[in-house]
Amino acid sequence: MNKYLKLNPEIVDALKNNKPVVALESTIISHGMPYPENVQTALECERIIREVGCIPATIAILNGELVVGLSVEEIDELGRKGAKVIKTSRRDLPYIVAQKKDGATTVSATMIIAHSAGIKFFATGGIGGVHRGAESSFDISADLEELAKTDVCVICAGAKAILDLEKTLEYLETKGVPVIGYQTNYFPAFYTRKSPYELTLRADSPKEIASLVKVKEELGLQGGTVVANPIPNQYSMNEKLMNEAIDKAVEEMEKLGIKGKETTPYLLQSVKEITQGQSLKANIQLVYNNCLLAAQIAKEYVELKK
């Protein structure tokens, strides 16, 4: 895949000199929120990572090239184009590259490209998972399968709350993916700090997580790691309010017959409208929180590898 990679010179230098790097996805820019909030959020994510002493690497596909480390101008262009940019997962990668199109990378595609570039840590909002009603629709995000095979540590606020969190955790357990609660014993529910589902793994410092990632690598174990980082308390939304909003959005989606990769963008937008924009504000804050933790872990990992 290296012939298709285009690394920003700053990323090349960081990887060559063992500086900590944190990958960032681009679907959140094109499909996650409206312009100009999407661009502002993306640039703030990069600023937070730099403030810790790490190098941000926002990833996307531009004209068929797998670009690692977008420029400010490229981020702005993606933000302006919005949903016109193709949402790209593992399945879509060969098509987008072969056709020399632009693609906004999901968690799975970002993991693949980050791993190819040699980047170990990736901050996002929430991973995809098993969708509600998957027992009949078989709708399961490619993110989960990617986590089972690609060695990248993903820092997130759990799985998106619109999903079936219990089945998502069961799937990850079956695939042997460590799910580590950061300073929590419960799986976060994206907009809210916790779900009813207890975790068996917990870490209370970035250094603990960095150590686990290093040992997992040394043991030769395949696959990624999920760090479940709860949304900061002051931005956590009311659990009852969110569940009611999600249930209403799912009901509307089913009536409209929306399926496949359009499901998540539709539900997130619908929940945003039902909550009068509160969910978008929470989404932005949890992403910032994940970027901060990812940078702290990446920095500790580099120190442990010296």
Foldseek 3Di string as FASTA:
>chain_A
DVVQEDEDVVLVVCVVVLFFEAEEFFLCQQQVDAPPVSLVLVVLLQVLLVVLPGGYWYWWQAQLGTYTRDDSVRSVVSNVCHPVAAADAPVCNVVCNVRRGIYTYALRRSLVNCVVSPHAEYFDAEHWAAAPVCVPVVDGDVNLVSQLAGRHEYEYQYHALLGDRVRRVVSNVVSVAAEEEAVDQAAGHRLAFHDPHGHPHYDDALLVVLVVSVVCVVVVRGGYYYYNYGQPPVLRDDPVLQVVQSVVQVVVCVVVVDDDPVVVSSSSVSSCVSVVNSSVVSSSRRSSVRSNSRSRNSNSNSVVVD
